[in-house]
Amino acid sequence: MTTSEPTGRLEPTPTGHDLILARSYRAPVADVWASVTESTRTARWFGPWRGEPGPGRTIEVQLSFEESADWFPVRIDACEPPHRLAVSTQDAAGAWSMELRLTESAGTTELQLVHHLTDTEQAGSTGPGWEYYLDMLTAARTDTPRPDFADYYPAQKAYYESLAKP
């Protein structure tokens, strides 16, 4: 088993903390945007979605790489192609809000995933989960083998819990 190195950071905000993770891709921003917004492409690393997309609308997403394959509602809070997508959801596990921010410079696109946390209690599981999914995105974009979640959790749990300590 190879343990991946955690990359995320935690920044305080007026309403809690932002958990921020980033990946860079040698690709135009429009191509990376398609990887995170087109259902056929999100299905390769996260899961497919269905419905009529647009700001203020709700789509349904199915997590392909989780034990449960239930469809769940995701509200599109903002969509500014190809630079920003903000979504939120609420289910039995709670509510969460996140953004994807994309910037391109000299042929390289940086993708930032920002998970808005109202408290840091779940940072030890949330951080490794997003590390895994972002590496799944990288694997899908490069046609390389998918990572193993066991390389992320519980291996990265302590790192993310340490970020959450005052």
N, C-alpha and C. Protein backbone atom coordinates (compact mmCIF):
# COMPACT_ATOMS: atom_id res chain seq x y z
N MET A 1 0.84 -1.18 0.00
CA MET A 1 0.00 0.00 0.00
C MET A 1 0.89 1.25 0.00
N THR A 2 0.60 2.16 -0.90
CA THR A 2 1.33 3.42 -0.98
C THR A 2 0.45 4.52 -0.41
N THR A 3 0.94 5.23 0.56
CA THR A 3 0.16 6.30 1.15
C THR A 3 0.42 7.59 0.39
N SER A 4 -0.65 8.23 -0.03
CA SER A 4 -0.55 9.52 -0.71
C SER A 4 -0.32 10.61 0.32
N GLU A 5 0.43 11.62 -0.07
CA GLU A 5 0.69 12.75 0.83
C GLU A 5 -0.49 13.72 0.80
N PRO A 6 -0.98 14.14 1.96
CA PRO A 6 -2.08 15.10 1.98
C PRO A 6 -1.61 16.47 1.51
N THR A 7 -2.50 17.19 0.84
CA THR A 7 -2.15 18.49 0.26
C THR A 7 -3.03 19.62 0.75
N GLY A 8 -4.09 19.32 1.44
CA GLY A 8 -5.08 20.34 1.80
C GLY A 8 -4.62 21.28 2.89
N ARG A 9 -5.33 22.40 2.96
CA ARG A 9 -5.10 23.36 4.02
C ARG A 9 -6.45 23.85 4.52
N LEU A 10 -6.45 24.38 5.72
CA LEU A 10 -7.67 24.88 6.35
C LEU A 10 -7.50 26.36 6.62
N GLU A 11 -8.45 27.16 6.13
CA GLU A 11 -8.38 28.61 6.35
C GLU A 11 -9.63 29.08 7.07
N PRO A 12 -9.48 29.89 8.12
CA PRO A 12 -10.65 30.41 8.82
C PRO A 12 -11.44 31.38 7.94
N THR A 13 -12.75 31.38 8.11
CA THR A 13 -13.65 32.30 7.41
C THR A 13 -14.60 32.90 8.45
N PRO A 14 -15.37 33.91 8.10
CA PRO A 14 -16.32 34.47 9.06
C PRO A 14 -17.38 33.48 9.54
N THR A 15 -17.65 32.42 8.75
CA THR A 15 -18.69 31.46 9.12
C THR A 15 -18.15 30.08 9.48
N GLY A 16 -16.84 29.91 9.55
CA GLY A 16 -16.27 28.61 9.88
C GLY A 16 -14.87 28.48 9.33
N HIS A 17 -14.66 27.50 8.46
CA HIS A 17 -13.36 27.27 7.83
C HIS A 17 -13.57 26.80 6.40
N ASP A 18 -12.62 27.07 5.55
CA ASP A 18 -12.60 26.51 4.21
C ASP A 18 -11.49 25.47 4.15
N LEU A 19 -11.86 24.28 3.73
CA LEU A 19 -10.90 23.23 3.45
C LEU A 19 -10.57 23.36 1.96
N ILE A 20 -9.30 23.62 1.64
CA ILE A 20 -8.90 23.91 0.27
C ILE A 20 -7.88 22.89 -0.21
N LEU A 21 -8.17 22.27 -1.34
CA LEU A 21 -7.26 21.33 -1.99
C LEU A 21 -7.11 21.76 -3.44
N ALA A 22 -5.96 21.52 -4.02
CA ALA A 22 -5.72 21.95 -5.40
C ALA A 22 -5.00 20.88 -6.19
N ARG A 23 -5.25 20.89 -7.49
CA ARG A 23 -4.53 20.06 -8.45
C ARG A 23 -4.27 20.92 -9.68
N SER A 24 -3.17 20.64 -10.37
CA SER A 24 -2.84 21.35 -11.60
C SER A 24 -2.84 20.37 -12.76
N TYR A 25 -3.32 20.85 -13.90
CA TYR A 25 -3.40 20.03 -15.10
C TYR A 25 -2.83 20.80 -16.28
N ARG A 26 -1.99 20.15 -17.04
CA ARG A 26 -1.45 20.76 -18.26
C ARG A 26 -2.52 20.63 -19.33
N ALA A 27 -3.49 21.53 -19.27
CA ALA A 27 -4.65 21.48 -20.17
C ALA A 27 -5.37 22.83 -20.12
N PRO A 28 -6.10 23.15 -21.18
CA PRO A 28 -6.88 24.39 -21.16
C PRO A 28 -7.99 24.33 -20.12
N VAL A 29 -8.36 25.47 -19.60
CA VAL A 29 -9.39 25.54 -18.56
C VAL A 29 -10.71 24.93 -19.05
N ALA A 30 -11.05 25.11 -20.32
CA ALA A 30 -12.31 24.57 -20.84
C ALA A 30 -12.33 23.04 -20.76
N ASP A 31 -11.19 22.40 -20.97
CA ASP A 31 -11.12 20.95 -20.90
C ASP A 31 -11.26 20.45 -19.46
N VAL A 32 -10.61 21.13 -18.53
CA VAL A 32 -10.73 20.74 -17.12
C VAL A 32 -12.16 21.01 -16.65
N TRP A 33 -12.74 22.12 -17.08
CA TRP A 33 -14.13 22.44 -16.74
C TRP A 33 -15.05 21.31 -17.21
N ALA A 34 -14.84 20.82 -18.41
CA ALA A 34 -15.66 19.71 -18.92
C ALA A 34 -15.50 18.46 -18.05
N SER A 35 -14.31 18.23 -17.53
CA SER A 35 -14.07 17.07 -16.66
C SER A 35 -14.86 17.13 -15.37
N VAL A 36 -15.19 18.34 -14.92
CA VAL A 36 -15.90 18.48 -13.64
C VAL A 36 -17.37 18.86 -13.80
N THR A 37 -17.83 19.01 -15.06
CA THR A 37 -19.23 19.42 -15.25
C THR A 37 -20.02 18.53 -16.20
N GLU A 38 -19.39 17.79 -17.09
CA GLU A 38 -20.11 16.94 -18.03
C GLU A 38 -20.34 15.57 -17.41
N SER A 39 -21.58 15.12 -17.37
CA SER A 39 -21.94 13.88 -16.68
C SER A 39 -21.13 12.68 -17.15
N THR A 40 -20.89 12.55 -18.44
CA THR A 40 -20.13 11.40 -18.92
C THR A 40 -18.69 11.43 -18.41
N ARG A 41 -18.18 12.63 -18.16
CA ARG A 41 -16.80 12.75 -17.66
C ARG A 41 -16.76 12.67 -16.13
N THR A 42 -17.74 13.23 -15.43
CA THR A 42 -17.75 13.11 -13.97
C THR A 42 -17.97 11.66 -13.55
N ALA A 43 -18.66 10.89 -14.40
CA ALA A 43 -18.91 9.48 -14.10
C ALA A 43 -17.61 8.69 -13.99
N ARG A 44 -16.57 9.15 -14.65
CA ARG A 44 -15.29 8.43 -14.65
C ARG A 44 -14.51 8.59 -13.34
N TRP A 45 -14.83 9.64 -12.55
CA TRP A 45 -14.03 9.86 -11.35
C TRP A 45 -14.85 10.15 -10.09
N PHE A 46 -16.10 10.52 -10.25
CA PHE A 46 -16.94 10.89 -9.11
C PHE A 46 -18.26 10.15 -9.19
N GLY A 47 -18.97 10.43 -10.25
CA GLY A 47 -20.26 9.80 -10.49
C GLY A 47 -21.04 10.61 -11.51
N PRO A 48 -22.02 9.98 -12.16
CA PRO A 48 -22.83 10.69 -13.13
C PRO A 48 -23.84 11.59 -12.42
N TRP A 49 -24.39 12.52 -13.19
CA TRP A 49 -25.48 13.34 -12.68
C TRP A 49 -26.56 13.40 -13.74
N ARG A 50 -27.76 13.73 -13.28
CA ARG A 50 -28.89 13.86 -14.20
C ARG A 50 -29.73 15.04 -13.77
N GLY A 51 -30.48 15.56 -14.72
CA GLY A 51 -31.34 16.70 -14.44
C GLY A 51 -31.00 17.87 -15.35
N GLU A 52 -31.66 18.97 -15.10
CA GLU A 52 -31.48 20.18 -15.89
C GLU A 52 -30.59 21.14 -15.11
N PRO A 53 -29.30 21.26 -15.53
CA PRO A 53 -28.38 22.09 -14.75
C PRO A 53 -28.63 23.59 -14.94
N GLY A 54 -28.19 24.35 -13.96
CA GLY A 54 -28.26 25.80 -14.04
C GLY A 54 -28.30 26.38 -12.64
N PRO A 55 -27.86 27.63 -12.48
CA PRO A 55 -27.88 28.26 -11.16
C PRO A 55 -29.29 28.26 -10.57
N GLY A 56 -29.38 27.87 -9.31
CA GLY A 56 -30.67 27.81 -8.63
C GLY A 56 -31.42 26.52 -8.86
N ARG A 57 -30.92 25.66 -9.71
CA ARG A 57 -31.58 24.38 -10.00
C ARG A 57 -30.94 23.26 -9.21
N THR A 58 -31.66 22.16 -9.12
CA THR A 58 -31.16 20.98 -8.42
C THR A 58 -31.03 19.83 -9.40
N ILE A 59 -29.88 19.18 -9.37
CA ILE A 59 -29.65 17.98 -10.16
C ILE A 59 -29.53 16.81 -9.18
N GLU A 60 -29.42 15.61 -9.71
CA GLU A 60 -29.18 14.44 -8.88
C GLU A 60 -27.83 13.83 -9.27
N VAL A 61 -27.08 13.43 -8.26
CA VAL A 61 -25.76 12.85 -8.46
C VAL A 61 -25.74 11.45 -7.86
N GLN A 62 -25.01 10.55 -8.51
CA GLN A 62 -24.83 9.20 -8.00
C GLN A 62 -23.34 8.97 -7.81
N LEU A 63 -22.93 8.72 -6.59
CA LEU A 63 -21.52 8.47 -6.31
C LEU A 63 -21.17 7.05 -6.76
N SER A 64 -20.36 6.95 -7.79
CA SER A 64 -20.04 5.65 -8.38
C SER A 64 -19.06 4.83 -7.57
N PHE A 65 -18.28 5.47 -6.71
CA PHE A 65 -17.20 4.77 -6.03
C PHE A 65 -17.41 4.67 -4.52
N GLU A 66 -18.66 4.72 -4.11
CA GLU A 66 -19.04 4.58 -2.70
C GLU A 66 -19.85 3.30 -2.55
N GLU A 67 -20.01 2.83 -1.32
CA GLU A 67 -20.80 1.62 -1.08
C GLU A 67 -22.25 1.81 -1.52
N SER A 68 -22.81 2.96 -1.19
CA SER A 68 -24.19 3.25 -1.57
C SER A 68 -24.19 3.92 -2.93
N ALA A 69 -25.05 3.46 -3.81
CA ALA A 69 -25.12 4.05 -5.14
C ALA A 69 -26.42 4.83 -5.32
N ASP A 70 -26.94 5.36 -4.22
CA ASP A 70 -28.19 6.13 -4.29
C ASP A 70 -27.95 7.46 -4.99
N TRP A 71 -28.98 7.93 -5.69
CA TRP A 71 -28.95 9.27 -6.27
C TRP A 71 -29.33 10.25 -5.17
N PHE A 72 -28.66 11.41 -5.13
CA PHE A 72 -28.99 12.41 -4.11
C PHE A 72 -29.01 13.79 -4.76
N PRO A 73 -29.83 14.70 -4.20
CA PRO A 73 -29.97 16.03 -4.79
C PRO A 73 -28.77 16.93 -4.48
N VAL A 74 -28.37 17.70 -5.49
CA VAL A 74 -27.30 18.68 -5.36
C VAL A 74 -27.81 19.98 -5.99
N ARG A 75 -27.81 21.02 -5.20
CA ARG A 75 -28.26 22.33 -5.69
C ARG A 75 -27.07 23.06 -6.31
N ILE A 76 -27.28 23.63 -7.47
CA ILE A 76 -26.26 24.44 -8.12
C ILE A 76 -26.47 25.88 -7.65
N ASP A 77 -25.58 26.33 -6.80
CA ASP A 77 -25.69 27.67 -6.22
C ASP A 77 -25.14 28.75 -7.16
N ALA A 78 -24.10 28.41 -7.91
CA ALA A 78 -23.51 29.33 -8.89
C ALA A 78 -22.81 28.52 -9.96
N CYS A 79 -22.86 29.02 -11.19
CA CYS A 79 -22.18 28.37 -12.30
C CYS A 79 -21.68 29.47 -13.23
N GLU A 80 -20.35 29.61 -13.24
CA GLU A 80 -19.71 30.65 -14.05
C GLU A 80 -18.65 29.99 -14.94
N PRO A 81 -19.10 29.35 -16.05
CA PRO A 81 -18.18 28.61 -16.91
C PRO A 81 -17.10 29.52 -17.49
N PRO A 82 -15.90 29.05 -17.62
CA PRO A 82 -15.35 27.80 -17.10
C PRO A 82 -14.52 28.00 -15.83
N HIS A 83 -14.96 28.90 -14.96
CA HIS A 83 -14.11 29.26 -13.83
C HIS A 83 -14.64 28.93 -12.43
N ARG A 84 -15.96 28.81 -12.26
CA ARG A 84 -16.46 28.60 -10.90
C ARG A 84 -17.77 27.84 -10.93
N LEU A 85 -17.84 26.83 -10.07
CA LEU A 85 -19.06 26.07 -9.84
C LEU A 85 -19.23 25.95 -8.33
N ALA A 86 -20.36 26.38 -7.81
CA ALA A 86 -20.66 26.26 -6.38
C ALA A 86 -21.92 25.41 -6.23
N VAL A 87 -21.84 24.41 -5.34
CA VAL A 87 -22.96 23.51 -5.13
C VAL A 87 -23.14 23.26 -3.63
N SER A 88 -24.34 22.79 -3.30
CA SER A 88 -24.61 22.42 -1.90
C SER A 88 -25.59 21.26 -1.89
N THR A 89 -25.58 20.54 -0.77
CA THR A 89 -26.50 19.42 -0.61
C THR A 89 -26.77 19.21 0.86
N GLN A 90 -27.86 18.52 1.10
CA GLN A 90 -28.21 18.16 2.47
C GLN A 90 -28.82 16.77 2.43
N ASP A 91 -28.34 15.90 3.34
CA ASP A 91 -28.88 14.56 3.43
C ASP A 91 -28.84 14.11 4.88
N ALA A 92 -29.04 12.83 5.11
CA ALA A 92 -29.05 12.30 6.48
C ALA A 92 -27.72 12.54 7.19
N ALA A 93 -26.63 12.60 6.43
CA ALA A 93 -25.30 12.81 7.02
C ALA A 93 -25.03 14.28 7.35
N GLY A 94 -25.89 15.17 6.86
CA GLY A 94 -25.71 16.59 7.14
C GLY A 94 -25.74 17.42 5.87
N ALA A 95 -25.31 18.67 5.99
CA ALA A 95 -25.30 19.59 4.86
C ALA A 95 -23.86 19.96 4.54
N TRP A 96 -23.58 20.20 3.27
CA TRP A 96 -22.28 20.70 2.89
C TRP A 96 -22.40 21.63 1.69
N SER A 97 -21.40 22.48 1.60
CA SER A 97 -21.33 23.47 0.53
C SER A 97 -19.90 23.50 0.02
N MET A 98 -19.74 23.54 -1.30
CA MET A 98 -18.39 23.54 -1.86
C MET A 98 -18.34 24.31 -3.17
N GLU A 99 -17.13 24.65 -3.56
CA GLU A 99 -16.90 25.34 -4.83
C GLU A 99 -15.74 24.68 -5.55
N LEU A 100 -15.79 24.73 -6.86
CA LEU A 100 -14.65 24.40 -7.70
C LEU A 100 -14.26 25.71 -8.39
N ARG A 101 -12.99 26.07 -8.27
CA ARG A 101 -12.48 27.29 -8.89
C ARG A 101 -11.36 26.90 -9.84
N LEU A 102 -11.44 27.36 -11.07
CA LEU A 102 -10.44 27.02 -12.08
C LEU A 102 -9.80 28.28 -12.65
N THR A 103 -8.48 28.26 -12.75
CA THR A 103 -7.74 29.36 -13.36
C THR A 103 -6.70 28.75 -14.30
N GLU A 104 -6.49 29.43 -15.43
CA GLU A 104 -5.51 28.95 -16.40
C GLU A 104 -4.41 29.98 -16.57
N SER A 105 -3.18 29.49 -16.64
CA SER A 105 -2.03 30.33 -16.88
C SER A 105 -0.99 29.53 -17.65
N ALA A 106 -0.56 30.06 -18.78
CA ALA A 106 0.50 29.44 -19.59
C ALA A 106 0.21 27.97 -19.90
N GLY A 107 -1.04 27.65 -20.24
CA GLY A 107 -1.39 26.29 -20.64
C GLY A 107 -1.62 25.32 -19.50
N THR A 108 -1.56 25.80 -18.27
CA THR A 108 -1.81 24.95 -17.11
C THR A 108 -3.03 25.48 -16.37
N THR A 109 -3.94 24.57 -16.03
CA THR A 109 -5.14 24.94 -15.28
C THR A 109 -5.01 24.45 -13.85
N GLU A 110 -5.22 25.36 -12.91
CA GLU A 110 -5.27 24.97 -11.51
C GLU A 110 -6.73 24.85 -11.10
N LEU A 111 -7.04 23.73 -10.49
CA LEU A 111 -8.38 23.49 -9.96
C LEU A 111 -8.27 23.53 -8.44
N GLN A 112 -9.06 24.39 -7.84
CA GLN A 112 -9.16 24.44 -6.37
C GLN A 112 -10.52 23.93 -5.97
N LEU A 113 -10.53 22.98 -5.07
CA LEU A 113 -11.77 22.52 -4.46
C LEU A 113 -11.83 23.17 -3.09
N VAL A 114 -12.90 23.90 -2.83
CA VAL A 114 -13.08 24.60 -1.56
C VAL A 114 -14.34 24.05 -0.91
N HIS A 115 -14.15 23.33 0.19
CA HIS A 115 -15.28 22.79 0.95
C HIS A 115 -15.50 23.73 2.14
N HIS A 116 -16.65 24.39 2.17
CA HIS A 116 -16.97 25.33 3.24
C HIS A 116 -17.47 24.55 4.46
N LEU A 117 -16.72 24.61 5.54
CA LEU A 117 -17.07 23.88 6.76
C LEU A 117 -17.61 24.84 7.81
N THR A 118 -18.73 24.50 8.43
CA THR A 118 -19.23 25.31 9.54
C THR A 118 -18.51 24.95 10.82
N ASP A 119 -18.00 23.70 10.88
CA ASP A 119 -17.13 23.30 11.99
C ASP A 119 -16.11 22.31 11.42
N THR A 120 -15.07 22.05 12.18
CA THR A 120 -13.99 21.22 11.67
C THR A 120 -14.04 19.78 12.21
N GLU A 121 -15.14 19.43 12.84
CA GLU A 121 -15.27 18.11 13.45
C GLU A 121 -15.03 16.96 12.47
N GLN A 122 -15.44 17.11 11.22
CA GLN A 122 -15.31 16.04 10.24
C GLN A 122 -14.09 16.19 9.33
N ALA A 123 -13.19 17.11 9.63
CA ALA A 123 -12.02 17.34 8.76
C ALA A 123 -11.19 16.08 8.57
N GLY A 124 -11.10 15.24 9.59
CA GLY A 124 -10.30 14.02 9.51
C GLY A 124 -10.80 13.01 8.50
N SER A 125 -12.08 13.08 8.15
CA SER A 125 -12.60 12.19 7.10
C SER A 125 -12.87 12.95 5.80
N THR A 126 -13.24 14.22 5.90
CA THR A 126 -13.54 15.00 4.71
C THR A 126 -12.29 15.24 3.86
N GLY A 127 -11.19 15.63 4.49
CA GLY A 127 -9.95 15.90 3.76
C GLY A 127 -9.47 14.70 2.96
N PRO A 128 -9.30 13.54 3.59
CA PRO A 128 -8.87 12.36 2.83
C PRO A 128 -9.84 12.00 1.70
N GLY A 129 -11.12 12.20 1.94
CA GLY A 129 -12.11 11.90 0.89
C GLY A 129 -11.92 12.76 -0.34
N TRP A 130 -11.71 14.06 -0.14
CA TRP A 130 -11.50 14.94 -1.29
C TRP A 130 -10.15 14.70 -1.95
N GLU A 131 -9.12 14.36 -1.17
CA GLU A 131 -7.83 14.00 -1.77
C GLU A 131 -8.02 12.81 -2.73
N TYR A 132 -8.75 11.82 -2.26
CA TYR A 132 -9.04 10.64 -3.07
C TYR A 132 -9.77 11.01 -4.35
N TYR A 133 -10.85 11.78 -4.22
CA TYR A 133 -11.63 12.12 -5.42
C TYR A 133 -10.84 12.99 -6.40
N LEU A 134 -10.02 13.91 -5.90
CA LEU A 134 -9.21 14.71 -6.82
C LEU A 134 -8.16 13.84 -7.52
N ASP A 135 -7.62 12.86 -6.83
CA ASP A 135 -6.69 11.94 -7.48
C ASP A 135 -7.43 11.01 -8.44
N MET A 136 -8.69 10.71 -8.16
CA MET A 136 -9.52 9.97 -9.11
C MET A 136 -9.70 10.80 -10.38
N LEU A 137 -9.92 12.11 -10.23
CA LEU A 137 -10.03 13.00 -11.39
C LEU A 137 -8.74 12.96 -12.21
N THR A 138 -7.61 13.06 -11.53
CA THR A 138 -6.32 13.01 -12.23
C THR A 138 -6.17 11.69 -12.98
N ALA A 139 -6.51 10.59 -12.35
CA ALA A 139 -6.42 9.28 -13.00
C ALA A 139 -7.33 9.20 -14.23
N ALA A 140 -8.54 9.75 -14.11
CA ALA A 140 -9.47 9.75 -15.24
C ALA A 140 -8.94 10.60 -16.39
N ARG A 141 -8.31 11.72 -16.06
CA ARG A 141 -7.80 12.62 -17.09
C ARG A 141 -6.54 12.06 -17.76
N THR A 142 -5.78 11.24 -17.06
CA THR A 142 -4.52 10.73 -17.60
C THR A 142 -4.60 9.26 -18.00
N ASP A 143 -5.79 8.67 -17.88
CA ASP A 143 -5.98 7.25 -18.19
C ASP A 143 -4.99 6.37 -17.46
N THR A 144 -4.82 6.65 -16.16
CA THR A 144 -3.96 5.84 -15.31
C THR A 144 -4.85 5.09 -14.31
N PRO A 145 -4.31 4.08 -13.64
CA PRO A 145 -5.13 3.32 -12.69
C PRO A 145 -5.69 4.21 -11.58
N ARG A 146 -6.91 3.89 -11.18
CA ARG A 146 -7.56 4.62 -10.08
C ARG A 146 -6.84 4.35 -8.77
N PRO A 147 -6.78 5.36 -7.92
CA PRO A 147 -6.18 5.15 -6.60
C PRO A 147 -7.07 4.27 -5.72
N ASP A 148 -6.50 3.79 -4.65
CA ASP A 148 -7.21 2.97 -3.67
C ASP A 148 -7.53 3.85 -2.46
N PHE A 149 -8.79 3.90 -2.07
CA PHE A 149 -9.19 4.75 -0.94
C PHE A 149 -8.41 4.41 0.33
N ALA A 150 -8.01 3.17 0.47
CA ALA A 150 -7.25 2.74 1.66
C ALA A 150 -5.91 3.48 1.77
N ASP A 151 -5.43 4.04 0.68
CA ASP A 151 -4.20 4.83 0.72
C ASP A 151 -4.43 6.23 1.29
N TYR A 152 -5.69 6.61 1.46
CA TYR A 152 -6.06 7.96 1.92
C TYR A 152 -6.63 7.95 3.33
N TYR A 153 -7.49 6.98 3.57
CA TYR A 153 -8.15 6.92 4.87
C TYR A 153 -7.98 5.52 5.44
N PRO A 154 -7.46 5.40 6.63
CA PRO A 154 -7.23 6.42 7.66
C PRO A 154 -5.85 7.10 7.62
N ALA A 155 -5.03 6.79 6.61
CA ALA A 155 -3.65 7.29 6.60
C ALA A 155 -3.54 8.82 6.73
N GLN A 156 -4.47 9.57 6.14
CA GLN A 156 -4.39 11.03 6.18
C GLN A 156 -5.24 11.66 7.28
N LYS A 157 -5.95 10.85 8.02
CA LYS A 157 -6.86 11.36 9.04
C LYS A 157 -6.15 12.26 10.05
N ALA A 158 -5.03 11.83 10.58
CA ALA A 158 -4.31 12.59 11.60
C ALA A 158 -3.86 13.95 11.07
N TYR A 159 -3.40 13.99 9.81
CA TYR A 159 -2.98 15.26 9.21
C TYR A 159 -4.14 16.25 9.22
N TYR A 160 -5.29 15.83 8.75
CA TYR A 160 -6.43 16.74 8.67
C TYR A 160 -6.99 17.09 10.05
N GLU A 161 -6.94 16.17 10.97
CA GLU A 161 -7.36 16.48 12.34
C GLU A 161 -6.41 17.52 12.94
N SER A 162 -5.11 17.44 12.63
CA SER A 162 -4.15 18.41 13.17
C SER A 162 -4.40 19.80 12.61
N LEU A 163 -4.88 19.90 11.37
CA LEU A 163 -5.22 21.21 10.80
C LEU A 163 -6.38 21.86 11.56
N ALA A 164 -7.25 21.02 12.07
CA ALA A 164 -8.47 21.51 12.72
C ALA A 164 -8.25 21.93 14.18
N LYS A 165 -7.08 21.63 14.71
CA LYS A 165 -6.81 22.00 16.13
C LYS A 165 -6.41 23.47 16.20
N PRO A 166 -6.94 24.17 17.23
CA PRO A 166 -6.60 25.60 17.38
C PRO A 166 -5.14 25.83 17.74
